[in-house]
Amino acid sequence: MEELLEPGDILLVRGKELHRRRREWFRLLISTTIAKLTKSEYTHAAMYIGRDMIVDVDVRQLVMQRPLADLDCYDVYRVAGATDEDRQLAVYFCLSQRKRKYDYGAVVAIALQRLTGRAIAGPEEDPRKWFCSELVARALRLSCSPWLVTPGDLAKEQGVVKVEPQKAA
């Protein structure tokens, strides 16, 4: 799968599978909760930036660059029609956000919205804080409300397509 990756690709992680395999029980609990609330197998999003590296933000961490090898159990998505310049700008944006904090307020607002089925007047978008799919959506200029976008929503976003491995002839 790694040979298919291009800078600016979206990596959507099947967190329940990842954390069960690694026996990370606390993270499995978080991923299970996210999957139930969002009705999606995807519980985390990251951006591939090239040279086997990603940028993402995770609970209790800052936005950071780290090796692709830290992830497995992911699917690759790409913005159809994005130019090389669009993709490079998205990578630069993510890199410029390193060391920013995790956006707990927006995550709580999404959870309450999903639990109640009603729009919740949550905190205003804070440009100094990010959660995983919010960072990716903003970088790629997806969605009019990136601070309400879940990893599962990114997979359904108009113009975002799943990259499938080529089958051998």
C-alpha atoms as a PDB file:
ATOM      1  CA  MET A   1       0.000   0.000   0.000  1.00  0.00           C
ATOM      2  CA  GLU A   2       2.874   2.383   0.776  1.00  0.00           C
ATOM      3  CA  GLU A   3       3.948   2.469  -2.873  1.00  0.00           C
ATOM      4  CA  LEU A   4       0.572   4.069  -3.739  1.00  0.00           C
ATOM      5  CA  LEU A   5       1.008   7.006  -1.392  1.00  0.00           C
ATOM      6  CA  GLU A   6       1.470  10.558  -2.595  1.00  0.00           C
ATOM      7  CA  PRO A   7       2.060  13.652  -0.443  1.00  0.00           C
ATOM      8  CA  GLY A   8      -1.307  15.112   0.532  1.00  0.00           C
ATOM      9  CA  ASP A   9      -3.074  11.748   0.760  1.00  0.00           C
ATOM     10  CA  ILE A  10      -5.520  11.180   3.603  1.00  0.00           C
ATOM     11  CA  LEU A  11      -4.913   8.133   5.778  1.00  0.00           C
ATOM     12  CA  LEU A  12      -8.050   6.960   7.555  1.00  0.00           C
ATOM     13  CA  VAL A  13      -7.290   4.553  10.371  1.00  0.00           C
ATOM     14  CA  ARG A  14      -9.448   1.660  11.489  1.00  0.00           C
ATOM     15  CA  GLY A  15      -8.548   2.286  15.125  1.00  0.00           C
ATOM     16  CA  LYS A  16     -10.470  -0.575  16.708  1.00  0.00           C
ATOM     17  CA  GLU A  17      -8.522  -3.048  14.603  1.00  0.00           C
ATOM     18  CA  LEU A  18      -5.195  -1.244  15.177  1.00  0.00           C
ATOM     19  CA  HIS A  19      -5.491  -0.987  18.963  1.00  0.00           C
ATOM     20  CA  ARG A  20      -6.882  -4.508  19.403  1.00  0.00           C
ATOM     21  CA  ARG A  21      -3.936  -5.891  17.446  1.00  0.00           C
ATOM     22  CA  ARG A  22      -1.469  -3.868  19.550  1.00  0.00           C
ATOM     23  CA  ARG A  23      -3.298  -4.622  22.817  1.00  0.00           C
ATOM     24  CA  GLU A  24      -3.668  -0.901  23.590  1.00  0.00           C
ATOM     25  CA  TRP A  25      -6.772  -1.183  25.731  1.00  0.00           C
ATOM     26  CA  PHE A  26      -7.313   2.497  26.618  1.00  0.00           C
ATOM     27  CA  ARG A  27      -6.948   3.511  22.974  1.00  0.00           C
ATOM     28  CA  LEU A  28      -9.249   0.631  21.982  1.00  0.00           C
ATOM     29  CA  LEU A  29     -11.902   2.071  24.303  1.00  0.00           C
ATOM     30  CA  ILE A  30     -11.529   5.528  22.727  1.00  0.00           C
ATOM     31  CA  SER A  31     -11.658   4.086  19.190  1.00  0.00           C
ATOM     32  CA  THR A  32     -14.708   1.974  20.011  1.00  0.00           C
ATOM     33  CA  THR A  33     -16.489   5.061  21.369  1.00  0.00           C
ATOM     34  CA  ILE A  34     -15.608   7.098  18.271  1.00  0.00           C
ATOM     35  CA  ALA A  35     -16.753   4.287  15.969  1.00  0.00           C
ATOM     36  CA  LYS A  36     -20.107   4.001  17.761  1.00  0.00           C
ATOM     37  CA  LEU A  37     -20.758   7.753  17.854  1.00  0.00           C
ATOM     38  CA  THR A  38     -19.788   8.331  14.228  1.00  0.00           C
ATOM     39  CA  LYS A  39     -21.120   5.029  12.849  1.00  0.00           C
ATOM     40  CA  SER A  40     -17.844   4.539  10.988  1.00  0.00           C
ATOM     41  CA  GLU A  41     -14.953   2.121  11.116  1.00  0.00           C
ATOM     42  CA  TYR A  42     -12.579   5.077  10.793  1.00  0.00           C
ATOM     43  CA  THR A  43     -11.497   6.593  14.097  1.00  0.00           C
ATOM     44  CA  HIS A  44      -8.398   8.593  13.181  1.00  0.00           C
ATOM     45  CA  ALA A  45      -7.109  10.670  10.269  1.00  0.00           C
ATOM     46  CA  ALA A  46      -3.596  11.655   9.245  1.00  0.00           C
ATOM     47  CA  MET A  47      -1.949  13.261   6.230  1.00  0.00           C
ATOM     48  CA  TYR A  48       0.842  11.589   4.331  1.00  0.00           C
ATOM     49  CA  ILE A  49       3.586  14.160   3.698  1.00  0.00           C
ATOM     50  CA  GLY A  50       6.099  12.040   1.777  1.00  0.00           C
ATOM     51  CA  ARG A  51       9.284  10.119   2.615  1.00  0.00           C
ATOM     52  CA  ASP A  52       7.301   7.629   4.728  1.00  0.00           C
ATOM     53  CA  MET A  53       6.179  10.387   7.132  1.00  0.00           C
ATOM     54  CA  ILE A  54       2.762  11.615   8.312  1.00  0.00           C
ATOM     55  CA  VAL A  55       1.410  14.589  10.225  1.00  0.00           C
ATOM     56  CA  ASP A  56      -1.412  14.071  12.684  1.00  0.00           C
ATOM     57  CA  VAL A  57      -2.697  14.959  16.126  1.00  0.00           C
ATOM     58  CA  ASP A  58      -3.929  12.452  18.669  1.00  0.00           C
ATOM     59  CA  VAL A  59      -5.525  12.577  22.111  1.00  0.00           C
ATOM     60  CA  ARG A  60      -3.070  13.811  24.746  1.00  0.00           C
ATOM     61  CA  GLN A  61      -0.572  14.844  22.069  1.00  0.00           C
ATOM     62  CA  LEU A  62       0.363  17.841  19.954  1.00  0.00           C
ATOM     63  CA  VAL A  63       0.233  18.052  16.168  1.00  0.00           C
ATOM     64  CA  MET A  64       3.377  16.223  15.130  1.00  0.00           C
ATOM     65  CA  GLN A  65       5.292  14.671  12.294  1.00  0.00           C
ATOM     66  CA  ARG A  66       6.041  10.978  12.739  1.00  0.00           C
ATOM     67  CA  PRO A  67       6.880   7.849  10.743  1.00  0.00           C
ATOM     68  CA  LEU A  68       4.218   6.187   8.623  1.00  0.00           C
ATOM     69  CA  ALA A  69       5.274   2.928  10.305  1.00  0.00           C
ATOM     70  CA  ASP A  70       3.481   4.170  13.461  1.00  0.00           C
ATOM     71  CA  LEU A  71       0.205   3.456  11.639  1.00  0.00           C
ATOM     72  CA  ASP A  72      -1.271   0.368  10.132  1.00  0.00           C
ATOM     73  CA  CYS A  73      -4.870  -0.680   9.538  1.00  0.00           C
ATOM     74  CA  TYR A  74      -5.497   2.367   7.354  1.00  0.00           C
ATOM     75  CA  ASP A  75      -7.088   3.116   4.008  1.00  0.00           C
ATOM     76  CA  VAL A  76      -5.769   5.743   1.617  1.00  0.00           C
ATOM     77  CA  TYR A  77      -8.021   8.481   0.272  1.00  0.00           C
ATOM     78  CA  ARG A  78      -7.191  11.238  -2.181  1.00  0.00           C
ATOM     79  CA  VAL A  79      -8.869  14.454  -3.285  1.00  0.00           C
ATOM     80  CA  ALA A  80      -9.850  13.914  -6.915  1.00  0.00           C
ATOM     81  CA  GLY A  81      -8.683  16.693  -9.188  1.00  0.00           C
ATOM     82  CA  ALA A  82      -6.244  18.166  -6.665  1.00  0.00           C
ATOM     83  CA  THR A  83      -3.148  19.544  -8.365  1.00  0.00           C
ATOM     84  CA  ASP A  84       0.388  18.881  -7.151  1.00  0.00           C
ATOM     85  CA  GLU A  85       0.385  22.457  -5.880  1.00  0.00           C
ATOM     86  CA  ASP A  86      -2.878  21.895  -3.943  1.00  0.00           C
ATOM     87  CA  ARG A  87      -1.414  18.777  -2.353  1.00  0.00           C
ATOM     88  CA  GLN A  88       1.879  20.482  -1.499  1.00  0.00           C
ATOM     89  CA  LEU A  89       0.034  23.426   0.081  1.00  0.00           C
ATOM     90  CA  ALA A  90      -1.924  20.953   2.228  1.00  0.00           C
ATOM     91  CA  VAL A  91       1.336  19.328   3.355  1.00  0.00           C
ATOM     92  CA  TYR A  92       2.875  22.736   4.151  1.00  0.00           C
ATOM     93  CA  PHE A  93      -0.225  23.703   6.103  1.00  0.00           C
ATOM     94  CA  CYS A  94      -0.046  20.553   8.247  1.00  0.00           C
ATOM     95  CA  LEU A  95       3.668  21.029   8.840  1.00  0.00           C
ATOM     96  CA  SER A  96       3.057  24.645   9.894  1.00  0.00           C
ATOM     97  CA  GLN A  97       0.652  23.436  12.598  1.00  0.00           C
ATOM     98  CA  ARG A  98       3.193  21.245  14.423  1.00  0.00           C
ATOM     99  CA  LYS A  99       3.193  21.639  18.194  1.00  0.00           C
ATOM    100  CA  ARG A 100      -0.403  22.933  18.252  1.00  0.00           C
ATOM    101  CA  LYS A 101      -2.643  21.418  20.916  1.00  0.00           C
ATOM    102  CA  TYR A 102      -5.446  18.876  20.647  1.00  0.00           C
ATOM    103  CA  ASP A 103      -8.953  20.393  20.304  1.00  0.00           C
ATOM    104  CA  TYR A 104     -10.905  18.689  23.096  1.00  0.00           C
ATOM    105  CA  GLY A 105     -13.750  21.255  22.967  1.00  0.00           C
ATOM    106  CA  ALA A 106     -14.625  20.496  19.358  1.00  0.00           C
ATOM    107  CA  VAL A 107     -14.504  16.744  20.011  1.00  0.00           C
ATOM    108  CA  VAL A 108     -16.912  17.112  22.949  1.00  0.00           C
ATOM    109  CA  ALA A 109     -19.227  19.246  20.772  1.00  0.00           C
ATOM    110  CA  ILE A 110     -19.250  16.556  18.057  1.00  0.00           C
ATOM    111  CA  ALA A 111     -19.918  13.828  20.631  1.00  0.00           C
ATOM    112  CA  LEU A 112     -22.846  15.768  22.127  1.00  0.00           C
ATOM    113  CA  GLN A 113     -24.236  16.481  18.673  1.00  0.00           C
ATOM    114  CA  ARG A 114     -24.047  12.789  17.730  1.00  0.00           C
ATOM    115  CA  LEU A 115     -25.558  11.664  21.055  1.00  0.00           C
ATOM    116  CA  THR A 116     -28.478  14.097  21.021  1.00  0.00           C
ATOM    117  CA  GLY A 117     -29.051  14.334  17.269  1.00  0.00           C
ATOM    118  CA  ARG A 118     -29.190  18.123  17.582  1.00  0.00           C
ATOM    119  CA  ALA A 119     -26.727  20.814  16.662  1.00  0.00           C
ATOM    120  CA  ILE A 120     -24.872  21.875  19.774  1.00  0.00           C
ATOM    121  CA  ALA A 121     -23.613  25.404  20.229  1.00  0.00           C
ATOM    122  CA  GLY A 122     -20.089  24.302  20.949  1.00  0.00           C
ATOM    123  CA  PRO A 123     -16.971  26.372  21.236  1.00  0.00           C
ATOM    124  CA  GLU A 124     -15.950  28.533  18.328  1.00  0.00           C
ATOM    125  CA  GLU A 125     -13.301  27.092  16.074  1.00  0.00           C
ATOM    126  CA  ASP A 126      -9.907  27.715  17.661  1.00  0.00           C
ATOM    127  CA  PRO A 127      -7.132  28.086  15.054  1.00  0.00           C
ATOM    128  CA  ARG A 128      -4.559  27.172  17.718  1.00  0.00           C
ATOM    129  CA  LYS A 129      -6.033  23.709  18.375  1.00  0.00           C
ATOM    130  CA  TRP A 130      -6.867  20.740  16.157  1.00  0.00           C
ATOM    131  CA  PHE A 131      -8.283  17.251  16.234  1.00  0.00           C
ATOM    132  CA  CYS A 132      -7.209  14.755  13.586  1.00  0.00           C
ATOM    133  CA  SER A 133      -9.875  15.057  10.894  1.00  0.00           C
ATOM    134  CA  GLU A 134     -10.282  18.800  11.450  1.00  0.00           C
ATOM    135  CA  LEU A 135      -6.598  19.333  10.631  1.00  0.00           C
ATOM    136  CA  VAL A 136      -6.802  17.225   7.456  1.00  0.00           C
ATOM    137  CA  ALA A 137     -10.077  18.818   6.293  1.00  0.00           C
ATOM    138  CA  ARG A 138      -8.728  22.335   6.802  1.00  0.00           C
ATOM    139  CA  ALA A 139      -5.440  21.524   5.043  1.00  0.00           C
ATOM    140  CA  LEU A 140      -7.232  20.143   1.982  1.00  0.00           C
ATOM    141  CA  ARG A 141      -9.961  22.810   2.121  1.00  0.00           C
ATOM    142  CA  LEU A 142     -12.700  20.199   2.490  1.00  0.00           C
ATOM    143  CA  SER A 143     -16.079  20.877   4.072  1.00  0.00           C
ATOM    144  CA  CYS A 144     -17.521  24.218   5.072  1.00  0.00           C
ATOM    145  CA  SER A 145     -17.338  23.193   8.766  1.00  0.00           C
ATOM    146  CA  PRO A 146     -14.058  21.329   9.242  1.00  0.00           C
ATOM    147  CA  TRP A 147     -14.328  21.549  13.015  1.00  0.00           C
ATOM    148  CA  LEU A 148     -17.318  19.185  12.863  1.00  0.00           C
ATOM    149  CA  VAL A 149     -15.780  16.665  10.436  1.00  0.00           C
ATOM    150  CA  THR A 150     -15.060  13.163  11.728  1.00  0.00           C
ATOM    151  CA  PRO A 151     -12.675  10.671  10.099  1.00  0.00           C
ATOM    152  CA  GLY A 152     -15.700   8.793   8.742  1.00  0.00           C
ATOM    153  CA  ASP A 153     -17.071  12.015   7.260  1.00  0.00           C
ATOM    154  CA  LEU A 154     -13.832  12.515   5.314  1.00  0.00           C
ATOM    155  CA  ALA A 155     -14.382   9.162   3.572  1.00  0.00           C
ATOM    156  CA  LYS A 156     -17.805  10.379   2.388  1.00  0.00           C
ATOM    157  CA  GLU A 157     -16.720  13.910   1.475  1.00  0.00           C
ATOM    158  CA  GLN A 158     -17.575  14.869  -2.100  1.00  0.00           C
ATOM    159  CA  GLY A 159     -14.494  14.682  -4.301  1.00  0.00           C
ATOM    160  CA  VAL A 160     -12.585  12.376  -1.940  1.00  0.00           C
ATOM    161  CA  VAL A 161     -11.909   8.927  -3.407  1.00  0.00           C
ATOM    162  CA  LYS A 162     -10.471   5.747  -1.968  1.00  0.00           C
ATOM    163  CA  VAL A 163      -7.166   4.666  -3.544  1.00  0.00           C
ATOM    164  CA  GLU A 164      -7.285   0.964  -4.312  1.00  0.00           C
ATOM    165  CA  PRO A 165      -4.198  -1.166  -4.925  1.00  0.00           C
ATOM    166  CA  GLN A 166      -3.837  -2.256  -8.548  1.00  0.00           C
ATOM    167  CA  LYS A 167      -4.555  -5.935  -9.102  1.00  0.00           C
ATOM    168  CA  ALA A 168      -1.862  -7.923 -10.889  1.00  0.00           C
ATOM    169  CA  ALA A 169      -2.776  -8.815 -14.479  1.00  0.00           C
END
